[in-house]
Amino acid sequence: QVQLVESGGGLVQPGGSLRLSCVASGMIFSIYDMTWYRQTPGKQRELVATITSGGSAYYADSVKGRFTISRDNAKTTAYLELNSLKPEDMAVYYCKAHWVRAGREYWGQGTQVTVSS
């Protein structure tokens, strides 16, 4: 079955960096758009960045210039590079795979990012 597994979260000081990974299995990874979301308690899940199957990337204004989304189809992995982290970036980060044409989507279990001094 389809599985998405995020990793790379952790505790980092403000201004620090992390790289999140989302490894996919059980699917034809290259045809899926990949999106990173984040969520904090009591708030709705927020779209952070998307990379399409064709490699086009889009970002939320709040992370533009600080975060970079990428993908490696050979490794069936999507990445989110987080730089210049701020306390307000602290959240659980989730990846989603979305096959637009078929209307299929799958979610990972999330990875916690904590930004604190």
N, C-alpha and C. Protein backbone atom coordinates (compact mmCIF):
# COMPACT_ATOMS: atom_id res chain seq x y z
N GLN A 1 0.84 -1.18 0.00
CA GLN A 1 0.00 0.00 0.00
C GLN A 1 0.88 1.24 0.00
N VAL A 2 0.25 2.38 -0.27
CA VAL A 2 0.99 3.63 -0.31
C VAL A 2 1.39 4.05 1.10
N GLN A 3 2.63 4.49 1.20
CA GLN A 3 3.12 4.96 2.49
C GLN A 3 4.02 6.16 2.28
N LEU A 4 3.81 7.17 3.10
CA LEU A 4 4.68 8.35 3.12
C LEU A 4 5.27 8.45 4.52
N VAL A 5 6.58 8.56 4.60
CA VAL A 5 7.25 8.62 5.90
C VAL A 5 8.14 9.86 5.95
N GLU A 6 7.77 10.77 6.85
CA GLU A 6 8.56 11.98 7.03
C GLU A 6 9.64 11.75 8.08
N SER A 7 10.71 12.50 7.94
CA SER A 7 11.78 12.48 8.94
C SER A 7 12.54 13.79 8.84
N GLY A 8 13.42 14.02 9.80
CA GLY A 8 14.29 15.19 9.76
C GLY A 8 13.90 16.31 10.71
N GLY A 9 12.76 16.16 11.36
CA GLY A 9 12.37 17.17 12.32
C GLY A 9 13.24 17.12 13.55
N GLY A 10 13.08 18.13 14.40
CA GLY A 10 13.86 18.17 15.62
C GLY A 10 13.84 19.53 16.25
N LEU A 11 14.74 19.71 17.19
CA LEU A 11 14.87 20.98 17.92
C LEU A 11 16.00 21.79 17.29
N VAL A 12 15.71 23.04 16.98
CA VAL A 12 16.70 23.91 16.38
C VAL A 12 16.55 25.31 16.95
N GLN A 13 17.64 26.03 17.04
CA GLN A 13 17.58 27.40 17.55
C GLN A 13 17.06 28.34 16.47
N PRO A 14 16.50 29.46 16.85
CA PRO A 14 16.10 30.46 15.84
C PRO A 14 17.28 30.81 14.96
N GLY A 15 17.01 30.92 13.67
CA GLY A 15 18.05 31.17 12.70
C GLY A 15 18.70 29.92 12.15
N GLY A 16 18.38 28.78 12.74
CA GLY A 16 18.97 27.52 12.31
C GLY A 16 18.28 26.92 11.11
N SER A 17 18.73 25.72 10.75
CA SER A 17 18.24 25.04 9.55
C SER A 17 17.93 23.58 9.83
N LEU A 18 17.02 23.06 9.06
CA LEU A 18 16.70 21.64 9.07
C LEU A 18 16.38 21.23 7.64
N ARG A 19 16.53 19.93 7.37
CA ARG A 19 16.04 19.38 6.11
C ARG A 19 15.10 18.23 6.41
N LEU A 20 13.87 18.39 5.97
CA LEU A 20 12.87 17.34 6.13
C LEU A 20 12.84 16.47 4.88
N SER A 21 12.59 15.19 5.10
CA SER A 21 12.46 14.24 4.00
C SER A 21 11.12 13.54 4.07
N CYS A 22 10.59 13.21 2.94
CA CYS A 22 9.35 12.46 2.84
C CYS A 22 9.58 11.34 1.83
N VAL A 23 9.72 10.13 2.34
CA VAL A 23 9.99 8.98 1.48
C VAL A 23 8.68 8.29 1.15
N ALA A 24 8.44 8.10 -0.12
CA ALA A 24 7.20 7.47 -0.58
C ALA A 24 7.45 6.04 -1.05
N SER A 25 6.46 5.19 -0.85
CA SER A 25 6.53 3.82 -1.35
C SER A 25 5.14 3.38 -1.76
N GLY A 26 5.09 2.37 -2.63
CA GLY A 26 3.81 1.83 -3.06
C GLY A 26 3.07 2.68 -4.06
N MET A 27 3.76 3.59 -4.72
CA MET A 27 3.12 4.49 -5.67
C MET A 27 4.12 4.86 -6.76
N ILE A 28 3.57 5.38 -7.87
CA ILE A 28 4.43 5.89 -8.93
C ILE A 28 4.74 7.34 -8.57
N PHE A 29 5.81 7.53 -7.85
CA PHE A 29 6.12 8.80 -7.22
C PHE A 29 6.15 9.95 -8.22
N SER A 30 6.71 9.71 -9.40
CA SER A 30 6.97 10.80 -10.34
C SER A 30 5.71 11.48 -10.85
N ILE A 31 4.56 10.84 -10.75
CA ILE A 31 3.34 11.46 -11.29
C ILE A 31 2.57 12.26 -10.24
N TYR A 32 3.05 12.23 -9.02
CA TYR A 32 2.36 12.93 -7.93
C TYR A 32 2.98 14.30 -7.68
N ASP A 33 2.11 15.28 -7.45
CA ASP A 33 2.54 16.53 -6.86
C ASP A 33 2.80 16.27 -5.38
N MET A 34 3.81 16.92 -4.85
CA MET A 34 4.16 16.73 -3.45
C MET A 34 4.02 18.07 -2.73
N THR A 35 3.37 18.05 -1.60
CA THR A 35 3.13 19.28 -0.84
C THR A 35 3.50 19.07 0.61
N TRP A 36 4.13 20.07 1.18
CA TRP A 36 4.38 20.11 2.62
C TRP A 36 3.38 21.06 3.27
N TYR A 37 2.79 20.57 4.36
CA TYR A 37 1.90 21.37 5.19
C TYR A 37 2.50 21.42 6.59
N ARG A 38 1.97 22.33 7.39
CA ARG A 38 2.33 22.35 8.80
C ARG A 38 1.10 22.70 9.63
N GLN A 39 1.15 22.26 10.87
CA GLN A 39 0.00 22.50 11.76
C GLN A 39 0.49 22.68 13.18
N THR A 40 -0.09 23.68 13.83
CA THR A 40 0.14 23.89 15.25
C THR A 40 -1.18 23.65 15.98
N PRO A 41 -1.10 23.33 17.27
CA PRO A 41 -2.33 23.02 18.02
C PRO A 41 -3.35 24.15 17.93
N GLY A 42 -4.57 23.78 17.66
CA GLY A 42 -5.65 24.76 17.61
C GLY A 42 -5.77 25.53 16.32
N LYS A 43 -4.89 25.24 15.37
CA LYS A 43 -4.92 25.96 14.10
C LYS A 43 -5.13 24.97 12.95
N GLN A 44 -5.62 25.53 11.84
CA GLN A 44 -5.80 24.69 10.65
C GLN A 44 -4.46 24.37 10.02
N ARG A 45 -4.45 23.25 9.30
CA ARG A 45 -3.25 22.88 8.60
C ARG A 45 -2.97 23.92 7.50
N GLU A 46 -1.72 24.33 7.41
CA GLU A 46 -1.32 25.41 6.51
C GLU A 46 -0.40 24.87 5.42
N LEU A 47 -0.70 25.22 4.18
CA LEU A 47 0.16 24.82 3.08
C LEU A 47 1.46 25.60 3.14
N VAL A 48 2.58 24.89 3.05
CA VAL A 48 3.89 25.52 3.13
C VAL A 48 4.52 25.64 1.74
N ALA A 49 4.56 24.53 1.02
CA ALA A 49 5.21 24.52 -0.30
C ALA A 49 4.74 23.32 -1.09
N THR A 50 4.70 23.50 -2.40
CA THR A 50 4.31 22.43 -3.32
C THR A 50 5.34 22.33 -4.43
N ILE A 51 5.60 21.10 -4.83
CA ILE A 51 6.38 20.87 -6.04
C ILE A 51 5.57 19.94 -6.92
N THR A 52 5.36 20.35 -8.15
CA THR A 52 4.52 19.56 -9.03
C THR A 52 5.31 18.37 -9.60
N SER A 53 4.58 17.50 -10.28
CA SER A 53 5.25 16.37 -10.93
C SER A 53 6.25 16.85 -11.97
N GLY A 54 5.99 18.03 -12.51
CA GLY A 54 6.90 18.59 -13.50
C GLY A 54 8.05 19.38 -12.91
N GLY A 55 8.05 19.53 -11.59
CA GLY A 55 9.17 20.20 -10.93
C GLY A 55 8.97 21.67 -10.61
N SER A 56 7.77 22.19 -10.86
CA SER A 56 7.51 23.60 -10.51
C SER A 56 7.23 23.71 -9.02
N ALA A 57 7.78 24.74 -8.42
CA ALA A 57 7.67 24.91 -6.97
C ALA A 57 6.88 26.17 -6.63
N TYR A 58 6.10 26.07 -5.57
CA TYR A 58 5.30 27.19 -5.09
C TYR A 58 5.42 27.23 -3.57
N TYR A 59 5.39 28.46 -3.03
CA TYR A 59 5.61 28.64 -1.60
C TYR A 59 4.56 29.57 -1.00
N ALA A 60 4.27 29.33 0.27
CA ALA A 60 3.50 30.29 1.04
C ALA A 60 4.36 31.53 1.23
N ASP A 61 3.71 32.69 1.29
CA ASP A 61 4.46 33.94 1.45
C ASP A 61 5.30 33.92 2.72
N SER A 62 4.81 33.26 3.74
CA SER A 62 5.49 33.27 5.03
C SER A 62 6.83 32.55 5.01
N VAL A 63 7.05 31.70 4.00
CA VAL A 63 8.31 30.93 3.95
C VAL A 63 9.14 31.24 2.72
N LYS A 64 8.61 32.04 1.82
CA LYS A 64 9.30 32.33 0.57
C LYS A 64 10.67 32.95 0.86
N GLY A 65 11.67 32.42 0.21
CA GLY A 65 13.03 32.90 0.41
C GLY A 65 13.77 32.23 1.54
N ARG A 66 13.06 31.47 2.37
CA ARG A 66 13.70 30.77 3.50
C ARG A 66 13.63 29.26 3.35
N PHE A 67 12.57 28.77 2.76
CA PHE A 67 12.38 27.32 2.60
C PHE A 67 12.54 26.96 1.13
N THR A 68 13.02 25.75 0.89
CA THR A 68 13.16 25.24 -0.47
C THR A 68 12.60 23.83 -0.56
N ILE A 69 11.68 23.62 -1.48
CA ILE A 69 11.14 22.28 -1.71
C ILE A 69 11.83 21.68 -2.92
N SER A 70 12.07 20.39 -2.86
CA SER A 70 12.69 19.68 -3.98
C SER A 70 12.22 18.23 -3.97
N ARG A 71 12.57 17.52 -5.01
CA ARG A 71 12.20 16.11 -5.10
C ARG A 71 13.28 15.35 -5.86
N ASP A 72 13.39 14.09 -5.51
CA ASP A 72 14.29 13.18 -6.22
C ASP A 72 13.45 11.98 -6.60
N ASN A 73 13.03 11.93 -7.85
CA ASN A 73 12.14 10.86 -8.28
C ASN A 73 12.81 9.49 -8.20
N ALA A 74 14.11 9.45 -8.43
CA ALA A 74 14.83 8.17 -8.36
C ALA A 74 14.81 7.60 -6.94
N LYS A 75 14.79 8.50 -5.96
CA LYS A 75 14.76 8.07 -4.56
C LYS A 75 13.34 8.11 -3.99
N THR A 76 12.38 8.44 -4.81
CA THR A 76 10.96 8.60 -4.39
C THR A 76 10.87 9.41 -3.10
N THR A 77 11.57 10.52 -3.09
CA THR A 77 11.65 11.35 -1.88
C THR A 77 11.43 12.81 -2.22
N ALA A 78 10.66 13.47 -1.38
CA ALA A 78 10.50 14.92 -1.43
C ALA A 78 11.21 15.51 -0.22
N TYR A 79 11.76 16.69 -0.42
CA TYR A 79 12.51 17.35 0.64
C TYR A 79 11.95 18.74 0.90
N LEU A 80 12.17 19.19 2.11
CA LEU A 80 11.88 20.59 2.44
C LEU A 80 13.06 21.09 3.27
N GLU A 81 13.79 22.03 2.66
CA GLU A 81 14.92 22.65 3.35
C GLU A 81 14.39 23.87 4.08
N LEU A 82 14.60 23.92 5.39
CA LEU A 82 14.11 25.02 6.21
C LEU A 82 15.32 25.83 6.70
N ASN A 83 15.41 27.06 6.30
CA ASN A 83 16.50 27.93 6.71
C ASN A 83 15.96 29.16 7.45
N SER A 84 16.85 29.80 8.17
CA SER A 84 16.47 31.02 8.91
C SER A 84 15.19 30.80 9.71
N LEU A 85 15.17 29.71 10.44
CA LEU A 85 13.95 29.33 11.16
C LEU A 85 13.58 30.33 12.24
N LYS A 86 12.28 30.52 12.38
CA LYS A 86 11.72 31.44 13.36
C LYS A 86 10.85 30.64 14.32
N PRO A 87 10.60 31.18 15.51
CA PRO A 87 9.72 30.47 16.44
C PRO A 87 8.34 30.17 15.83
N GLU A 88 7.87 31.05 14.97
CA GLU A 88 6.55 30.82 14.36
C GLU A 88 6.55 29.70 13.32
N ASP A 89 7.73 29.17 12.98
CA ASP A 89 7.79 28.01 12.08
C ASP A 89 7.59 26.70 12.82
N MET A 90 7.58 26.78 14.15
CA MET A 90 7.42 25.58 14.95
C MET A 90 6.05 24.97 14.69
N ALA A 91 6.04 23.68 14.33
CA ALA A 91 4.80 22.99 13.97
C ALA A 91 5.11 21.53 13.68
N VAL A 92 4.07 20.76 13.51
CA VAL A 92 4.22 19.43 12.92
C VAL A 92 4.12 19.59 11.40
N TYR A 93 5.11 19.08 10.70
CA TYR A 93 5.15 19.19 9.24
C TYR A 93 4.72 17.86 8.63
N TYR A 94 3.81 17.97 7.68
CA TYR A 94 3.27 16.79 7.00
C TYR A 94 3.55 16.88 5.51
N CYS A 95 3.77 15.75 4.89
CA CYS A 95 3.82 15.76 3.43
C CYS A 95 2.59 15.07 2.87
N LYS A 96 2.19 15.53 1.70
CA LYS A 96 1.05 14.97 1.00
C LYS A 96 1.43 14.70 -0.44
N ALA A 97 1.02 13.55 -0.92
CA ALA A 97 1.17 13.22 -2.33
C ALA A 97 -0.19 13.34 -2.98
N HIS A 98 -0.25 14.01 -4.11
CA HIS A 98 -1.52 14.28 -4.76
C HIS A 98 -1.40 14.00 -6.25
N TRP A 99 -2.20 13.05 -6.71
CA TRP A 99 -2.28 12.76 -8.14
C TRP A 99 -3.52 13.46 -8.64
N VAL A 100 -3.31 14.62 -9.22
CA VAL A 100 -4.42 15.52 -9.57
C VAL A 100 -5.41 14.84 -10.50
N ARG A 101 -4.92 14.18 -11.53
CA ARG A 101 -5.81 13.62 -12.56
C ARG A 101 -6.75 12.57 -12.00
N ALA A 102 -6.27 11.78 -11.05
CA ALA A 102 -7.08 10.71 -10.47
C ALA A 102 -7.78 11.11 -9.19
N GLY A 103 -7.44 12.31 -8.68
CA GLY A 103 -8.05 12.74 -7.44
C GLY A 103 -7.61 11.94 -6.23
N ARG A 104 -6.41 11.37 -6.28
CA ARG A 104 -5.92 10.59 -5.16
C ARG A 104 -4.93 11.42 -4.36
N GLU A 105 -5.00 11.26 -3.04
CA GLU A 105 -4.02 11.91 -2.19
C GLU A 105 -3.71 11.04 -0.99
N TYR A 106 -2.49 11.15 -0.52
CA TYR A 106 -2.01 10.39 0.62
C TYR A 106 -1.19 11.31 1.52
N TRP A 107 -1.27 11.02 2.82
CA TRP A 107 -0.59 11.84 3.82
C TRP A 107 0.41 11.01 4.62
N GLY A 108 1.47 11.68 5.04
CA GLY A 108 2.39 11.08 5.98
C GLY A 108 1.91 11.33 7.40
N GLN A 109 2.69 10.85 8.35
CA GLN A 109 2.30 10.91 9.76
C GLN A 109 2.78 12.18 10.45
N GLY A 110 3.67 12.90 9.80
CA GLY A 110 4.16 14.17 10.35
C GLY A 110 5.49 14.05 11.07
N THR A 111 6.19 15.16 11.11
CA THR A 111 7.44 15.25 11.86
C THR A 111 7.47 16.60 12.56
N GLN A 112 7.85 16.59 13.82
CA GLN A 112 7.80 17.80 14.66
C GLN A 112 9.04 18.66 14.44
N VAL A 113 8.80 19.93 14.21
CA VAL A 113 9.88 20.92 14.15
C VAL A 113 9.68 21.88 15.32
N THR A 114 10.69 21.97 16.17
CA THR A 114 10.65 22.86 17.33
C THR A 114 11.75 23.90 17.19
N VAL A 115 11.35 25.16 17.25
CA VAL A 115 12.32 26.26 17.12
C VAL A 115 12.33 27.00 18.45
N SER A 116 13.43 26.88 19.15
CA SER A 116 13.51 27.46 20.47
C SER A 116 14.97 27.62 20.88
N SER A 117 15.22 28.68 21.63
CA SER A 117 16.57 28.88 22.14
C SER A 117 16.70 28.28 23.55
